[in-house]
Every structure is written in structure tokens, then in C-alpha cells.
């Protein structure tokens, strides 16, 4: 699948967060290549949260591992097409 990935690591004071996005335009002529948009957000951007609550629960390596595991788990459902 042709897709674009965008990955951000954000540090605001004591709060670290990670933002991951995958966008694939798909192919309208076939159900086997659907339009796809996936996002993973680790860490909050809430001004009311304490830094230990708002920061990502994992470090950068853990965030990348989670993202890769998510993307590698995607499959076409058998019999769906």
C-alpha cells in the first residue's frame, strides 16, 4: 500500500508526547486498497493535567515499537474482498 507516515516527538516543558500518522489515498477502483487514515497519540496536551499524567507512558523507542506493532498487525480480513 502506498502511504505517507508522519512522526512527531514533542517536548513542552516536562511533558513529552508522540504523534504518529499514516495516510494512504487508496484506490477507488478496488476494495482491496481502501483509503486509510491511522493515528496514534501518546501523551496528552491538556493544560489541566499534571506532567506525570500528561507525558507519554513510554519513551521514544517504546513509542516507535508500539507504532510498528500497530502497522504490522494490519491485514485484509479474509473474505472481505
PDB file of N, CA and C in Angstrom:
ATOM      1  N   UNK A   1       0.851  -1.171   0.000  1.00  0.00           N
ATOM      2  CA  UNK A   1       0.000   0.000   0.000  1.00  0.00           C
ATOM      3  C   UNK A   1       0.898   1.235   0.000  1.00  0.00           C
ATOM      4  N   UNK A   2       0.644   2.153  -0.912  1.00  0.00           N
ATOM      5  CA  UNK A   2       1.360   3.424  -0.918  1.00  0.00           C
ATOM      6  C   UNK A   2       0.785   4.293   0.188  1.00  0.00           C
ATOM      7  N   UNK A   3       1.667   4.778   1.064  1.00  0.00           N
ATOM      8  CA  UNK A   3       1.203   5.568   2.201  1.00  0.00           C
ATOM      9  C   UNK A   3       2.292   6.535   2.627  1.00  0.00           C
ATOM     10  N   UNK A   4       1.878   7.555   3.334  1.00  0.00           N
ATOM     11  CA  UNK A   4       2.798   8.524   3.922  1.00  0.00           C
ATOM     12  C   UNK A   4       2.695   8.424   5.434  1.00  0.00           C
ATOM     13  N   UNK A   5       3.839   8.384   6.096  1.00  0.00           N
ATOM     14  CA  UNK A   5       3.877   8.382   7.556  1.00  0.00           C
ATOM     15  C   UNK A   5       4.456   9.703   8.032  1.00  0.00           C
ATOM     16  N   UNK A   6       3.890  10.221   9.099  1.00  0.00           N
ATOM     17  CA  UNK A   6       4.407  11.425   9.741  1.00  0.00           C
ATOM     18  C   UNK A   6       4.543  11.101  11.224  1.00  0.00           C
ATOM     19  N   UNK A   7       5.737  11.322  11.765  1.00  0.00           N
ATOM     20  CA  UNK A   7       6.016  11.011  13.157  1.00  0.00           C
ATOM     21  C   UNK A   7       6.554  12.259  13.848  1.00  0.00           C
ATOM     22  N   UNK A   8       6.000  12.583  15.017  1.00  0.00           N
ATOM     23  CA  UNK A   8       6.430  13.749  15.783  1.00  0.00           C
ATOM     24  C   UNK A   8       6.787  13.330  17.196  1.00  0.00           C
ATOM     25  N   UNK A   9       7.861  13.892  17.725  1.00  0.00           N
ATOM     26  CA  UNK A   9       8.168  13.816  19.153  1.00  0.00           C
ATOM     27  C   UNK A   9       8.113  15.257  19.652  1.00  0.00           C
ATOM     28  N   UNK A  10       7.254  15.525  20.626  1.00  0.00           N
ATOM     29  CA  UNK A  10       7.048  16.887  21.120  1.00  0.00           C
ATOM     30  C   UNK A  10       7.466  16.980  22.577  1.00  0.00           C
ATOM     31  N   UNK A  11       8.198  18.018  22.913  1.00  0.00           N
ATOM     32  CA  UNK A  11       8.620  18.258  24.287  1.00  0.00           C
ATOM     33  C   UNK A  11       8.166  19.657  24.666  1.00  0.00           C
ATOM     34  N   UNK A  12       7.242  19.732  25.633  1.00  0.00           N
ATOM     35  CA  UNK A  12       6.743  21.020  26.125  1.00  0.00           C
ATOM     36  C   UNK A  12       6.987  21.061  27.626  1.00  0.00           C
ATOM     37  N   UNK A  13       8.074  21.720  28.033  1.00  0.00           N
ATOM     38  CA  UNK A  13       8.422  21.736  29.448  1.00  0.00           C
ATOM     39  C   UNK A  13       8.755  20.329  29.908  1.00  0.00           C
ATOM     40  N   UNK A  14       8.019  19.834  30.904  1.00  0.00           N
ATOM     41  CA  UNK A  14       8.252  18.494  31.441  1.00  0.00           C
ATOM     42  C   UNK A  14       7.435  17.417  30.723  1.00  0.00           C
ATOM     43  N   UNK A  15       6.618  17.805  29.761  1.00  0.00           N
ATOM     44  CA  UNK A  15       5.708  16.864  29.104  1.00  0.00           C
ATOM     45  C   UNK A  15       6.272  16.441  27.746  1.00  0.00           C
ATOM     46  N   UNK A  16       6.392  15.135  27.560  1.00  0.00           N
ATOM     47  CA  UNK A  16       6.813  14.567  26.282  1.00  0.00           C
ATOM     48  C   UNK A  16       5.638  13.811  25.686  1.00  0.00           C
ATOM     49  N   UNK A  17       5.387  14.051  24.413  1.00  0.00           N
ATOM     50  CA  UNK A  17       4.320  13.317  23.733  1.00  0.00           C
ATOM     51  C   UNK A  17       4.792  12.937  22.337  1.00  0.00           C
ATOM     52  N   UNK A  18       4.133  11.915  21.804  1.00  0.00           N
ATOM     53  CA  UNK A  18       4.457  11.411  20.474  1.00  0.00           C
ATOM     54  C   UNK A  18       3.182  11.361  19.650  1.00  0.00           C
ATOM     55  N   UNK A  19       3.292  11.740  18.380  1.00  0.00           N
ATOM     56  CA  UNK A  19       2.161  11.744  17.456  1.00  0.00           C
ATOM     57  C   UNK A  19       2.588  10.994  16.196  1.00  0.00           C
ATOM     58  N   UNK A  20       1.813  10.004  15.825  1.00  0.00           N
ATOM     59  CA  UNK A  20       2.099   9.192  14.652  1.00  0.00           C
ATOM     60  C   UNK A  20       0.879   9.205  13.737  1.00  0.00           C
ATOM     61  N   UNK A  21       1.114   9.385  12.448  1.00  0.00           N
ATOM     62  CA  UNK A  21       0.024   9.416  11.467  1.00  0.00           C
ATOM     63  C   UNK A  21       0.422   8.602  10.239  1.00  0.00           C
ATOM     64  N   UNK A  22      -0.530   7.868   9.690  1.00  0.00           N
ATOM     65  CA  UNK A  22      -0.353   7.173   8.423  1.00  0.00           C
ATOM     66  C   UNK A  22      -1.548   7.534   7.550  1.00  0.00           C
ATOM     67  N   UNK A  23      -1.263   7.984   6.342  1.00  0.00           N
ATOM     68  CA  UNK A  23      -2.314   8.349   5.385  1.00  0.00           C
ATOM     69  C   UNK A  23      -2.054   7.629   4.067  1.00  0.00           C
ATOM     70  N   UNK A  24      -3.068   6.903   3.595  1.00  0.00           N
ATOM     71  CA  UNK A  24      -2.979   6.204   2.316  1.00  0.00           C
ATOM     72  C   UNK A  24      -4.211   6.565   1.494  1.00  0.00           C
ATOM     73  N   UNK A  25      -4.020   7.102   0.283  1.00  0.00           N
ATOM     74  CA  UNK A  25      -5.161   7.540  -0.516  1.00  0.00           C
ATOM     75  C   UNK A  25      -6.030   6.391  -1.014  1.00  0.00           C
ATOM     76  N   UNK A  26      -5.476   5.188  -1.094  1.00  0.00           N
ATOM     77  CA  UNK A  26      -6.263   4.059  -1.578  1.00  0.00           C
ATOM     78  C   UNK A  26      -6.450   4.101  -3.081  1.00  0.00           C
ATOM     79  N   UNK A  27      -7.253   3.174  -3.558  1.00  0.00           N
ATOM     80  CA  UNK A  27      -7.574   3.070  -4.979  1.00  0.00           C
ATOM     81  C   UNK A  27      -9.082   2.875  -5.089  1.00  0.00           C
ATOM     82  N   UNK A  28      -9.810   3.897  -5.566  1.00  0.00           N
ATOM     83  CA  UNK A  28     -11.270   3.805  -5.625  1.00  0.00           C
ATOM     84  C   UNK A  28     -11.797   2.668  -6.503  1.00  0.00           C
ATOM     85  N   UNK A  29     -10.951   2.116  -7.365  1.00  0.00           N
ATOM     86  CA  UNK A  29     -11.428   1.064  -8.265  1.00  0.00           C
ATOM     87  C   UNK A  29     -11.417  -0.327  -7.632  1.00  0.00           C
ATOM     88  N   UNK A  30     -10.881  -0.447  -6.413  1.00  0.00           N
ATOM     89  CA  UNK A  30     -10.827  -1.757  -5.769  1.00  0.00           C
ATOM     90  C   UNK A  30     -11.003  -1.640  -4.259  1.00  0.00           C
ATOM     91  N   UNK A  31     -11.739  -2.572  -3.688  1.00  0.00           N
ATOM     92  CA  UNK A  31     -11.911  -2.601  -2.236  1.00  0.00           C
ATOM     93  C   UNK A  31     -10.670  -3.123  -1.526  1.00  0.00           C
ATOM     94  N   UNK A  32      -9.751  -3.721  -2.266  1.00  0.00           N
ATOM     95  CA  UNK A  32      -8.543  -4.282  -1.673  1.00  0.00           C
ATOM     96  C   UNK A  32      -7.550  -3.206  -1.249  1.00  0.00           C
ATOM     97  N   UNK A  33      -7.737  -1.968  -1.715  1.00  0.00           N
ATOM     98  CA  UNK A  33      -6.841  -0.866  -1.357  1.00  0.00           C
ATOM     99  C   UNK A  33      -7.678   0.327  -0.903  1.00  0.00           C
ATOM    100  N   UNK A  34      -8.211   0.268   0.320  1.00  0.00           N
ATOM    101  CA  UNK A  34      -9.091   1.341   0.796  1.00  0.00           C
ATOM    102  C   UNK A  34      -8.317   2.590   1.214  1.00  0.00           C
ATOM    103  N   UNK A  35      -9.017   3.718   1.202  1.00  0.00           N
ATOM    104  CA  UNK A  35      -8.472   4.931   1.810  1.00  0.00           C
ATOM    105  C   UNK A  35      -8.252   4.614   3.286  1.00  0.00           C
ATOM    106  N   UNK A  36      -7.084   4.971   3.812  1.00  0.00           N
ATOM    107  CA  UNK A  36      -6.758   4.631   5.193  1.00  0.00           C
ATOM    108  C   UNK A  36      -6.146   5.833   5.888  1.00  0.00           C
ATOM    109  N   UNK A  37      -6.607   6.105   7.100  1.00  0.00           N
ATOM    110  CA  UNK A  37      -6.024   7.147   7.946  1.00  0.00           C
ATOM    111  C   UNK A  37      -5.938   6.580   9.361  1.00  0.00           C
ATOM    112  N   UNK A  38      -4.720   6.513   9.886  1.00  0.00           N
ATOM    113  CA  UNK A  38      -4.491   5.955  11.219  1.00  0.00           C
ATOM    114  C   UNK A  38      -3.676   6.958  12.012  1.00  0.00           C
ATOM    115  N   UNK A  39      -4.033   7.129  13.282  1.00  0.00           N
ATOM    116  CA  UNK A  39      -3.224   7.980  14.147  1.00  0.00           C
ATOM    117  C   UNK A  39      -3.044   7.311  15.498  1.00  0.00           C
ATOM    118  N   UNK A  40      -1.887   7.558  16.109  1.00  0.00           N
ATOM    119  CA  UNK A  40      -1.586   7.083  17.452  1.00  0.00           C
ATOM    120  C   UNK A  40      -1.052   8.276  18.223  1.00  0.00           C
ATOM    121  N   UNK A  41      -1.678   8.591  19.339  1.00  0.00           N
ATOM    122  CA  UNK A  41      -1.283   9.727  20.164  1.00  0.00           C
ATOM    123  C   UNK A  41      -0.867   9.200  21.529  1.00  0.00           C
ATOM    124  N   UNK A  42       0.369   9.454  21.913  1.00  0.00           N
ATOM    125  CA  UNK A  42       0.884   9.035  23.214  1.00  0.00           C
ATOM    126  C   UNK A  42       1.272  10.282  23.988  1.00  0.00           C
ATOM    127  N   UNK A  43       0.573  10.545  25.075  1.00  0.00           N
ATOM    128  CA  UNK A  43       0.774  11.765  25.844  1.00  0.00           C
ATOM    129  C   UNK A  43      -0.355  12.733  25.560  1.00  0.00           C
ATOM    130  N   UNK A  44      -0.683  13.518  26.557  1.00  0.00           N
ATOM    131  CA  UNK A  44      -1.806  14.452  26.444  1.00  0.00           C
ATOM    132  C   UNK A  44      -1.291  15.877  26.288  1.00  0.00           C
ATOM    133  N   UNK A  45      -2.117  16.723  25.735  1.00  0.00           N
ATOM    134  CA  UNK A  45      -1.764  18.141  25.623  1.00  0.00           C
ATOM    135  C   UNK A  45      -2.728  18.985  26.449  1.00  0.00           C
ATOM    136  N   UNK A  46      -3.205  18.411  27.543  1.00  0.00           N
ATOM    137  CA  UNK A  46      -4.157  19.105  28.406  1.00  0.00           C
ATOM    138  C   UNK A  46      -3.421  19.997  29.402  1.00  0.00           C
ATOM    139  N   UNK A  47      -3.761  21.279  29.458  1.00  0.00           N
ATOM    140  CA  UNK A  47      -3.090  22.171  30.406  1.00  0.00           C
ATOM    141  C   UNK A  47      -3.476  21.876  31.858  1.00  0.00           C
ATOM    142  N   UNK A  48      -4.567  21.133  32.068  1.00  0.00           N
ATOM    143  CA  UNK A  48      -5.023  20.823  33.420  1.00  0.00           C
ATOM    144  C   UNK A  48      -4.346  19.597  34.019  1.00  0.00           C
ATOM    145  N   UNK A  49      -3.713  18.775  33.195  1.00  0.00           N
ATOM    146  CA  UNK A  49      -3.102  17.537  33.679  1.00  0.00           C
ATOM    147  C   UNK A  49      -1.726  17.808  34.278  1.00  0.00           C
ATOM    148  N   UNK A  50      -1.386  17.037  35.300  1.00  0.00           N
ATOM    149  CA  UNK A  50      -0.046  17.104  35.888  1.00  0.00           C
ATOM    150  C   UNK A  50       0.938  16.516  34.882  1.00  0.00           C
ATOM    151  N   UNK A  51       2.195  16.998  34.872  1.00  0.00           N
ATOM    152  CA  UNK A  51       3.166  16.490  33.894  1.00  0.00           C
ATOM    153  C   UNK A  51       3.304  14.968  33.907  1.00  0.00           C
ATOM    154  N   UNK A  52       3.283  14.347  35.084  1.00  0.00           N
ATOM    155  CA  UNK A  52       3.436  12.888  35.137  1.00  0.00           C
ATOM    156  C   UNK A  52       2.213  12.159  34.565  1.00  0.00           C
ATOM    157  N   UNK A  53       1.066  12.834  34.525  1.00  0.00           N
ATOM    158  CA  UNK A  53      -0.135  12.249  33.925  1.00  0.00           C
ATOM    159  C   UNK A  53      -0.207  12.533  32.423  1.00  0.00           C
ATOM    160  N   UNK A  54       0.326  13.663  32.006  1.00  0.00           N
ATOM    161  CA  UNK A  54       0.205  14.095  30.611  1.00  0.00           C
ATOM    162  C   UNK A  54       1.311  13.549  29.719  1.00  0.00           C
ATOM    163  N   UNK A  55       2.459  13.232  30.292  1.00  0.00           N
ATOM    164  CA  UNK A  55       3.573  12.773  29.470  1.00  0.00           C
ATOM    165  C   UNK A  55       3.323  11.357  28.956  1.00  0.00           C
ATOM    166  N   UNK A  56       3.955  11.011  27.865  1.00  0.00           N
ATOM    167  CA  UNK A  56       3.788   9.686  27.270  1.00  0.00           C
ATOM    168  C   UNK A  56       4.184   8.601  28.268  1.00  0.00           C
ATOM    169  N   UNK A  57       3.428   7.499  28.320  1.00  0.00           N
ATOM    170  CA  UNK A  57       3.782   6.421  29.244  1.00  0.00           C
ATOM    171  C   UNK A  57       5.008   5.623  28.795  1.00  0.00           C
ATOM    172  N   UNK A  58       5.470   5.840  27.572  1.00  0.00           N
ATOM    173  CA  UNK A  58       6.643   5.134  27.056  1.00  0.00           C
ATOM    174  C   UNK A  58       7.643   6.139  26.493  1.00  0.00           C
ATOM    175  N   UNK A  59       8.907   5.719  26.392  1.00  0.00           N
ATOM    176  CA  UNK A  59       9.929   6.580  25.803  1.00  0.00           C
ATOM    177  C   UNK A  59       9.854   6.487  24.274  1.00  0.00           C
ATOM    178  N   UNK A  60      10.776   7.169  23.592  1.00  0.00           N
ATOM    179  CA  UNK A  60      10.732   7.213  22.124  1.00  0.00           C
ATOM    180  C   UNK A  60      10.846   5.820  21.506  1.00  0.00           C
ATOM    181  N   UNK A  61      11.742   4.993  22.028  1.00  0.00           N
ATOM    182  CA  UNK A  61      11.895   3.637  21.492  1.00  0.00           C
ATOM    183  C   UNK A  61      10.605   2.835  21.679  1.00  0.00           C
ATOM    184  N   UNK A  62       9.978   2.969  22.836  1.00  0.00           N
ATOM    185  CA  UNK A  62       8.721   2.270  23.095  1.00  0.00           C
ATOM    186  C   UNK A  62       7.597   2.774  22.207  1.00  0.00           C
ATOM    187  N   UNK A  63       7.585   4.079  21.950  1.00  0.00           N
ATOM    188  CA  UNK A  63       6.563   4.659  21.074  1.00  0.00           C
ATOM    189  C   UNK A  63       6.719   4.132  19.647  1.00  0.00           C
ATOM    190  N   UNK A  64       7.953   4.088  19.155  1.00  0.00           N
ATOM    191  CA  UNK A  64       8.198   3.561  17.806  1.00  0.00           C
ATOM    192  C   UNK A  64       7.864   2.073  17.724  1.00  0.00           C
ATOM    193  N   UNK A  65       8.176   1.328  18.776  1.00  0.00           N
ATOM    194  CA  UNK A  65       7.856  -0.097  18.802  1.00  0.00           C
ATOM    195  C   UNK A  65       6.341  -0.309  18.763  1.00  0.00           C
ATOM    196  N   UNK A  66       5.606   0.508  19.503  1.00  0.00           N
ATOM    197  CA  UNK A  66       4.147   0.419  19.509  1.00  0.00           C
ATOM    198  C   UNK A  66       3.579   0.732  18.129  1.00  0.00           C
ATOM    199  N   UNK A  67       4.071   1.803  17.511  1.00  0.00           N
ATOM    200  CA  UNK A  67       3.607   2.199  16.177  1.00  0.00           C
ATOM    201  C   UNK A  67       3.888   1.094  15.158  1.00  0.00           C
ATOM    202  N   UNK A  68       5.109   0.562  15.173  1.00  0.00           N
ATOM    203  CA  UNK A  68       5.458  -0.504  14.231  1.00  0.00           C
ATOM    204  C   UNK A  68       4.594  -1.744  14.449  1.00  0.00           C
ATOM    205  N   UNK A  69       4.339  -2.100  15.708  1.00  0.00           N
ATOM    206  CA  UNK A  69       3.484  -3.257  16.001  1.00  0.00           C
ATOM    207  C   UNK A  69       2.067  -3.024  15.480  1.00  0.00           C
ATOM    208  N   UNK A  70       1.565  -1.805  15.654  1.00  0.00           N
ATOM    209  CA  UNK A  70       0.226  -1.476  15.157  1.00  0.00           C
ATOM    210  C   UNK A  70       0.158  -1.632  13.640  1.00  0.00           C
ATOM    211  N   UNK A  71       1.103  -1.015  12.932  1.00  0.00           N
ATOM    212  CA  UNK A  71       1.075  -1.075  11.465  1.00  0.00           C
ATOM    213  C   UNK A  71       1.285  -2.494  10.948  1.00  0.00           C
ATOM    214  N   UNK A  72       2.159  -3.257  11.600  1.00  0.00           N
ATOM    215  CA  UNK A  72       2.427  -4.625  11.153  1.00  0.00           C
ATOM    216  C   UNK A  72       1.269  -5.577  11.440  1.00  0.00           C
ATOM    217  N   UNK A  73       0.328  -5.148  12.268  1.00  0.00           N
ATOM    218  CA  UNK A  73      -0.818  -6.005  12.587  1.00  0.00           C
ATOM    219  C   UNK A  73      -1.978  -5.840  11.594  1.00  0.00           C
ATOM    220  N   UNK A  74      -1.899  -4.851  10.716  1.00  0.00           N
ATOM    221  CA  UNK A  74      -2.991  -4.597   9.773  1.00  0.00           C
ATOM    222  C   UNK A  74      -3.001  -5.632   8.653  1.00  0.00           C
ATOM    223  N   UNK A  75      -4.170  -6.200   8.418  1.00  0.00           N
ATOM    224  CA  UNK A  75      -4.346  -7.200   7.368  1.00  0.00           C
ATOM    225  C   UNK A  75      -5.719  -7.013   6.727  1.00  0.00           C
ATOM    226  N   UNK A  76      -5.839  -7.417   5.487  1.00  0.00           N
ATOM    227  CA  UNK A  76      -7.163  -7.506   4.881  1.00  0.00           C
ATOM    228  C   UNK A  76      -7.890  -8.674   5.527  1.00  0.00           C
ATOM    229  N   UNK A  77      -9.109  -8.472   5.906  1.00  0.00           N
ATOM    230  CA  UNK A  77      -9.898  -9.537   6.514  1.00  0.00           C
ATOM    231  C   UNK A  77     -10.205 -10.588   5.447  1.00  0.00           C
ATOM    232  N   UNK A  78      -9.927 -11.873   5.719  1.00  0.00           N
ATOM    233  CA  UNK A  78     -10.214 -12.922   4.732  1.00  0.00           C
ATOM    234  C   UNK A  78     -11.691 -12.912   4.336  1.00  0.00           C
ATOM    235  N   UNK A  79     -11.930 -12.973   3.046  1.00  0.00           N
ATOM    236  CA  UNK A  79     -13.296 -12.991   2.542  1.00  0.00           C
ATOM    237  C   UNK A  79     -13.958 -11.628   2.466  1.00  0.00           C
ATOM    238  N   UNK A  80     -13.245 -10.568   2.840  1.00  0.00           N
ATOM    239  CA  UNK A  80     -13.845  -9.230   2.841  1.00  0.00           C
ATOM    240  C   UNK A  80     -13.894  -8.628   1.444  1.00  0.00           C
ATOM    241  N   UNK A  81     -13.047  -9.084   0.559  1.00  0.00           N
ATOM    242  CA  UNK A  81     -12.983  -8.514  -0.785  1.00  0.00           C
ATOM    243  C   UNK A  81     -13.503  -9.504  -1.794  1.00  0.00           C
TER     244      UNK A  81
END
